[in-house]
Amino acid sequence: MTNPAGKSTDSKDSIILRTPTASDGAALWQLVKATGELEPNTAYCYLLLATDFADTCLVAEAAGQIVGAVIGYRPPREPDAAFVWQVGVLPDYRGLGLGLRMLTAWRDLPANRNCRWVTATVADDNPASQSLFQRLAHSAGVECTVNPHFTADLFPVAHPAEPLHRIGPFSL
């Protein structure tokens, strides 16, 4: 369903899916910290994402609060792909299918619509995200391949490997 402002809404739980604005930068930073599962970056980073990369990011808003987000970008060296950097949902909104709804809406954003591939790195110790990307592939009827990408030795601190999940190819 689309509301008069052109924002996608889910009438069941009144969650609005939209691209972020500069005023959402701080809320993105707080969301990442509140998930308890994502690696927070600086608040400045999320301000940049909410402005310079807003076209390739999506927030889920309920009652004026950011309750979920898909933060991504278009890799310059892979123009037919859109990369998901972080997906987060507040604990109170988990189990409602919001992650998959956000990823689907994120892929349909004008800036991502012409991508044949969705890519993401997912830590070996993150079965929830691994399952989310498998569900995205299944719901779209495409494959999800997983290959080594960021091995543990590449990180400056102890960190699990983050294999690359490549979902597609999507029809254009």
C-alpha atoms as a PDB file:
ATOM      1  CA  MET A   1       0.000   0.000   0.000  1.00  0.00           C
ATOM      2  CA  THR A   2       1.282   3.522  -0.713  1.00  0.00           C
ATOM      3  CA  ASN A   3       0.294   6.561   1.304  1.00  0.00           C
ATOM      4  CA  PRO A   4      -0.306  10.047  -0.193  1.00  0.00           C
ATOM      5  CA  ALA A   5       3.341  11.040   0.345  1.00  0.00           C
ATOM      6  CA  GLY A   6       4.436   8.107  -1.835  1.00  0.00           C
ATOM      7  CA  LYS A   7       5.782   6.110   1.091  1.00  0.00           C
ATOM      8  CA  SER A   8       5.219   2.363   1.271  1.00  0.00           C
ATOM      9  CA  THR A   9       3.229   1.328   4.335  1.00  0.00           C
ATOM     10  CA  ASP A  10       2.106  -1.933   5.833  1.00  0.00           C
ATOM     11  CA  SER A  11      -1.471  -1.428   7.021  1.00  0.00           C
ATOM     12  CA  LYS A  12      -1.192  -4.384   9.421  1.00  0.00           C
ATOM     13  CA  ASP A  13       1.312  -2.721  11.705  1.00  0.00           C
ATOM     14  CA  SER A  14       1.597   0.818  10.286  1.00  0.00           C
ATOM     15  CA  ILE A  15       5.270   0.548   9.414  1.00  0.00           C
ATOM     16  CA  ILE A  16       6.405   3.065   6.825  1.00  0.00           C
ATOM     17  CA  LEU A  17       9.315   2.102   4.575  1.00  0.00           C
ATOM     18  CA  ARG A  18      11.209   5.059   3.108  1.00  0.00           C
ATOM     19  CA  THR A  19      14.648   6.369   2.260  1.00  0.00           C
ATOM     20  CA  PRO A  20      16.387   8.202   5.105  1.00  0.00           C
ATOM     21  CA  THR A  21      16.976  11.928   5.448  1.00  0.00           C
ATOM     22  CA  ALA A  22      19.753  13.810   7.225  1.00  0.00           C
ATOM     23  CA  SER A  23      17.609  13.988  10.352  1.00  0.00           C
ATOM     24  CA  ASP A  24      17.597  10.152  10.449  1.00  0.00           C
ATOM     25  CA  GLY A  25      21.391   9.865  10.777  1.00  0.00           C
ATOM     26  CA  ALA A  26      21.389   9.906  14.574  1.00  0.00           C
ATOM     27  CA  ALA A  27      18.459   7.467  14.688  1.00  0.00           C
ATOM     28  CA  LEU A  28      20.346   5.056  12.415  1.00  0.00           C
ATOM     29  CA  TRP A  29      23.328   5.162  14.776  1.00  0.00           C
ATOM     30  CA  GLN A  30      21.028   4.545  17.761  1.00  0.00           C
ATOM     31  CA  LEU A  31      19.230   1.713  15.942  1.00  0.00           C
ATOM     32  CA  VAL A  32      22.501  -0.069  15.176  1.00  0.00           C
ATOM     33  CA  LYS A  33      23.546   0.190  18.818  1.00  0.00           C
ATOM     34  CA  ALA A  34      20.087  -0.904  20.058  1.00  0.00           C
ATOM     35  CA  THR A  35      20.014  -4.065  17.956  1.00  0.00           C
ATOM     36  CA  GLY A  36      22.806  -5.477  20.108  1.00  0.00           C
ATOM     37  CA  GLU A  37      24.026  -7.456  17.103  1.00  0.00           C
ATOM     38  CA  LEU A  38      25.448  -4.987  14.599  1.00  0.00           C
ATOM     39  CA  GLU A  39      28.862  -3.353  14.730  1.00  0.00           C
ATOM     40  CA  PRO A  40      28.278   0.352  15.363  1.00  0.00           C
ATOM     41  CA  ASN A  41      30.321   2.855  13.437  1.00  0.00           C
ATOM     42  CA  THR A  42      30.643   6.551  14.194  1.00  0.00           C
ATOM     43  CA  ALA A  43      27.563   8.752  14.299  1.00  0.00           C
ATOM     44  CA  TYR A  44      29.183  10.756  11.492  1.00  0.00           C
ATOM     45  CA  CYS A  45      29.232   7.635   9.307  1.00  0.00           C
ATOM     46  CA  TYR A  46      25.470   7.225   9.688  1.00  0.00           C
ATOM     47  CA  LEU A  47      24.933  10.911   8.873  1.00  0.00           C
ATOM     48  CA  LEU A  48      26.840  10.352   5.622  1.00  0.00           C
ATOM     49  CA  LEU A  49      24.802   7.257   4.859  1.00  0.00           C
ATOM     50  CA  ALA A  50      21.535   9.100   5.531  1.00  0.00           C
ATOM     51  CA  THR A  51      22.561  11.893   3.156  1.00  0.00           C
ATOM     52  CA  ASP A  52      25.141  10.908   0.529  1.00  0.00           C
ATOM     53  CA  PHE A  53      23.919   7.302   0.301  1.00  0.00           C
ATOM     54  CA  ALA A  54      20.242   7.864   1.122  1.00  0.00           C
ATOM     55  CA  ASP A  55      19.089   6.626  -2.277  1.00  0.00           C
ATOM     56  CA  THR A  56      20.526   3.179  -1.518  1.00  0.00           C
ATOM     57  CA  CYS A  57      19.335   2.971   2.090  1.00  0.00           C
ATOM     58  CA  LEU A  58      15.933   2.327   3.617  1.00  0.00           C
ATOM     59  CA  VAL A  59      14.413   2.892   7.046  1.00  0.00           C
ATOM     60  CA  ALA A  60      11.349   1.361   8.648  1.00  0.00           C
ATOM     61  CA  GLU A  61       9.415   3.811  10.796  1.00  0.00           C
ATOM     62  CA  ALA A  62       6.641   3.076  13.281  1.00  0.00           C
ATOM     63  CA  ALA A  63       4.958   5.806  15.322  1.00  0.00           C
ATOM     64  CA  GLY A  64       7.696   8.268  14.384  1.00  0.00           C
ATOM     65  CA  GLN A  65      10.532   5.943  15.505  1.00  0.00           C
ATOM     66  CA  ILE A  66      13.095   4.219  13.281  1.00  0.00           C
ATOM     67  CA  VAL A  67      12.576   0.517  14.052  1.00  0.00           C
ATOM     68  CA  GLY A  68      14.591  -1.037  11.240  1.00  0.00           C
ATOM     69  CA  ALA A  69      16.959  -0.210   8.431  1.00  0.00           C
ATOM     70  CA  VAL A  70      18.779  -1.559   5.421  1.00  0.00           C
ATOM     71  CA  ILE A  71      22.001   0.328   4.857  1.00  0.00           C
ATOM     72  CA  GLY A  72      23.629  -0.252   1.503  1.00  0.00           C
ATOM     73  CA  TYR A  73      25.382   1.183  -1.497  1.00  0.00           C
ATOM     74  CA  ARG A  74      26.284   0.476  -5.116  1.00  0.00           C
ATOM     75  CA  PRO A  75      29.860  -0.874  -5.338  1.00  0.00           C
ATOM     76  CA  PRO A  76      31.743   1.212  -7.941  1.00  0.00           C
ATOM     77  CA  ARG A  77      33.582  -1.848  -9.280  1.00  0.00           C
ATOM     78  CA  GLU A  78      30.426  -3.927  -9.624  1.00  0.00           C
ATOM     79  CA  PRO A  79      27.792  -1.716 -11.292  1.00  0.00           C
ATOM     80  CA  ASP A  80      25.220  -4.503 -11.636  1.00  0.00           C
ATOM     81  CA  ALA A  81      25.152  -5.138  -7.865  1.00  0.00           C
ATOM     82  CA  ALA A  82      23.769  -3.490  -4.756  1.00  0.00           C
ATOM     83  CA  PHE A  83      25.612  -4.237  -1.512  1.00  0.00           C
ATOM     84  CA  VAL A  84      23.810  -4.571   1.827  1.00  0.00           C
ATOM     85  CA  TRP A  85      26.152  -3.290   4.495  1.00  0.00           C
ATOM     86  CA  GLN A  86      23.876  -3.564   7.544  1.00  0.00           C
ATOM     87  CA  VAL A  87      20.335  -4.792   8.199  1.00  0.00           C
ATOM     88  CA  GLY A  88      18.879  -4.142  11.615  1.00  0.00           C
ATOM     89  CA  VAL A  89      15.531  -4.471  13.344  1.00  0.00           C
ATOM     90  CA  LEU A  90      14.792  -3.425  16.916  1.00  0.00           C
ATOM     91  CA  PRO A  91      14.122  -6.413  19.196  1.00  0.00           C
ATOM     92  CA  ASP A  92      10.426  -5.524  19.666  1.00  0.00           C
ATOM     93  CA  TYR A  93       9.878  -5.707  15.890  1.00  0.00           C
ATOM     94  CA  ARG A  94      11.650  -9.011  15.232  1.00  0.00           C
ATOM     95  CA  GLY A  95       9.707 -12.076  14.157  1.00  0.00           C
ATOM     96  CA  LEU A  96       7.257 -10.038  12.074  1.00  0.00           C
ATOM     97  CA  GLY A  97       8.970 -10.570   8.719  1.00  0.00           C
ATOM     98  CA  LEU A  98      10.190  -6.975   8.699  1.00  0.00           C
ATOM     99  CA  GLY A  99      13.727  -7.893   7.617  1.00  0.00           C
ATOM    100  CA  LEU A 100      12.559  -9.561   4.408  1.00  0.00           C
ATOM    101  CA  ARG A 101       9.996  -6.825   3.718  1.00  0.00           C
ATOM    102  CA  MET A 102      12.714  -4.194   4.098  1.00  0.00           C
ATOM    103  CA  LEU A 103      15.165  -6.066   1.852  1.00  0.00           C
ATOM    104  CA  THR A 104      12.514  -6.513  -0.819  1.00  0.00           C
ATOM    105  CA  ALA A 105      11.544  -2.823  -0.672  1.00  0.00           C
ATOM    106  CA  TRP A 106      15.243  -1.840  -0.601  1.00  0.00           C
ATOM    107  CA  ARG A 107      15.887  -3.841  -3.764  1.00  0.00           C
ATOM    108  CA  ASP A 108      12.926  -2.056  -5.394  1.00  0.00           C
ATOM    109  CA  LEU A 109      14.264   1.437  -4.633  1.00  0.00           C
ATOM    110  CA  PRO A 110      14.913   3.383  -7.858  1.00  0.00           C
ATOM    111  CA  ALA A 111      18.666   3.430  -7.132  1.00  0.00           C
ATOM    112  CA  ASN A 112      18.772  -0.378  -6.750  1.00  0.00           C
ATOM    113  CA  ARG A 113      16.038  -1.480  -9.124  1.00  0.00           C
ATOM    114  CA  ASN A 114      18.372  -2.167 -12.055  1.00  0.00           C
ATOM    115  CA  CYS A 115      20.689  -4.455 -10.067  1.00  0.00           C
ATOM    116  CA  ARG A 116      20.984  -8.062 -11.120  1.00  0.00           C
ATOM    117  CA  TRP A 117      22.729  -9.001  -7.859  1.00  0.00           C
ATOM    118  CA  VAL A 118      22.348  -8.276  -4.162  1.00  0.00           C
ATOM    119  CA  THR A 119      25.537  -8.877  -2.212  1.00  0.00           C
ATOM    120  CA  ALA A 120      26.377  -8.837   1.471  1.00  0.00           C
ATOM    121  CA  THR A 121      29.042 -10.110   3.800  1.00  0.00           C
ATOM    122  CA  VAL A 122      27.719 -12.034   6.780  1.00  0.00           C
ATOM    123  CA  ALA A 123      29.802 -13.177   9.729  1.00  0.00           C
ATOM    124  CA  ASP A 124      30.044 -16.902  10.271  1.00  0.00           C
ATOM    125  CA  ASP A 125      28.454 -16.476  13.700  1.00  0.00           C
ATOM    126  CA  ASN A 126      25.320 -14.695  12.391  1.00  0.00           C
ATOM    127  CA  PRO A 127      22.766 -17.381  11.442  1.00  0.00           C
ATOM    128  CA  ALA A 128      19.869 -14.881  11.505  1.00  0.00           C
ATOM    129  CA  SER A 129      21.369 -12.799   8.687  1.00  0.00           C
ATOM    130  CA  GLN A 130      22.442 -15.888   6.773  1.00  0.00           C
ATOM    131  CA  SER A 131      18.831 -17.092   6.921  1.00  0.00           C
ATOM    132  CA  LEU A 132      17.505 -13.666   5.903  1.00  0.00           C
ATOM    133  CA  PHE A 133      19.542 -13.629   2.695  1.00  0.00           C
ATOM    134  CA  GLN A 134      18.554 -17.221   1.929  1.00  0.00           C
ATOM    135  CA  ARG A 135      14.891 -16.204   2.367  1.00  0.00           C
ATOM    136  CA  LEU A 136      15.396 -13.235   0.021  1.00  0.00           C
ATOM    137  CA  ALA A 137      16.791 -15.571  -2.633  1.00  0.00           C
ATOM    138  CA  HIS A 138      14.006 -18.113  -2.108  1.00  0.00           C
ATOM    139  CA  SER A 139      11.233 -15.485  -2.239  1.00  0.00           C
ATOM    140  CA  ALA A 140      12.641 -14.104  -5.508  1.00  0.00           C
ATOM    141  CA  GLY A 141      13.281 -17.529  -7.019  1.00  0.00           C
ATOM    142  CA  VAL A 142      17.018 -16.923  -7.429  1.00  0.00           C
ATOM    143  CA  GLU A 143      20.180 -18.478  -6.032  1.00  0.00           C
ATOM    144  CA  CYS A 144      22.252 -17.431  -3.047  1.00  0.00           C
ATOM    145  CA  THR A 145      25.888 -18.452  -3.297  1.00  0.00           C
ATOM    146  CA  VAL A 146      28.353 -18.052  -0.446  1.00  0.00           C
ATOM    147  CA  ASN A 147      32.089 -17.680  -1.028  1.00  0.00           C
ATOM    148  CA  PRO A 148      35.052 -16.569   1.087  1.00  0.00           C
ATOM    149  CA  HIS A 149      35.593 -12.814   1.067  1.00  0.00           C
ATOM    150  CA  PHE A 150      36.817 -11.144   4.265  1.00  0.00           C
ATOM    151  CA  THR A 151      38.789 -13.770   6.131  1.00  0.00           C
ATOM    152  CA  ALA A 152      39.438 -13.384   9.862  1.00  0.00           C
ATOM    153  CA  ASP A 153      43.111 -12.524   9.257  1.00  0.00           C
ATOM    154  CA  LEU A 154      42.132  -9.355   7.361  1.00  0.00           C
ATOM    155  CA  PHE A 155      40.603  -7.733  10.456  1.00  0.00           C
ATOM    156  CA  PRO A 156      42.845  -5.720  12.814  1.00  0.00           C
ATOM    157  CA  VAL A 157      41.085  -7.230  15.854  1.00  0.00           C
ATOM    158  CA  ALA A 158      39.603 -10.644  16.567  1.00  0.00           C
ATOM    159  CA  HIS A 159      36.631 -10.970  14.208  1.00  0.00           C
ATOM    160  CA  PRO A 160      34.920 -13.898  12.528  1.00  0.00           C
ATOM    161  CA  ALA A 161      35.273 -14.305   8.786  1.00  0.00           C
ATOM    162  CA  GLU A 162      32.620 -12.621   6.653  1.00  0.00           C
ATOM    163  CA  PRO A 163      31.875 -14.651   3.523  1.00  0.00           C
ATOM    164  CA  LEU A 164      30.210 -12.934   0.573  1.00  0.00           C
ATOM    165  CA  HIS A 165      26.577 -13.829  -0.088  1.00  0.00           C
ATOM    166  CA  ARG A 166      25.646 -13.212  -3.716  1.00  0.00           C
ATOM    167  CA  ILE A 167      21.923 -13.326  -4.458  1.00  0.00           C
ATOM    168  CA  GLY A 168      20.629 -13.385  -8.033  1.00  0.00           C
ATOM    169  CA  PRO A 169      20.587 -12.928 -10.871  1.00  0.00           C
ATOM    170  CA  PHE A 170      17.420 -10.862 -10.651  1.00  0.00           C
ATOM    171  CA  SER A 171      15.469 -10.139 -13.820  1.00  0.00           C
ATOM    172  CA  LEU A 172      15.477  -6.530 -14.886  1.00  0.00           C
END
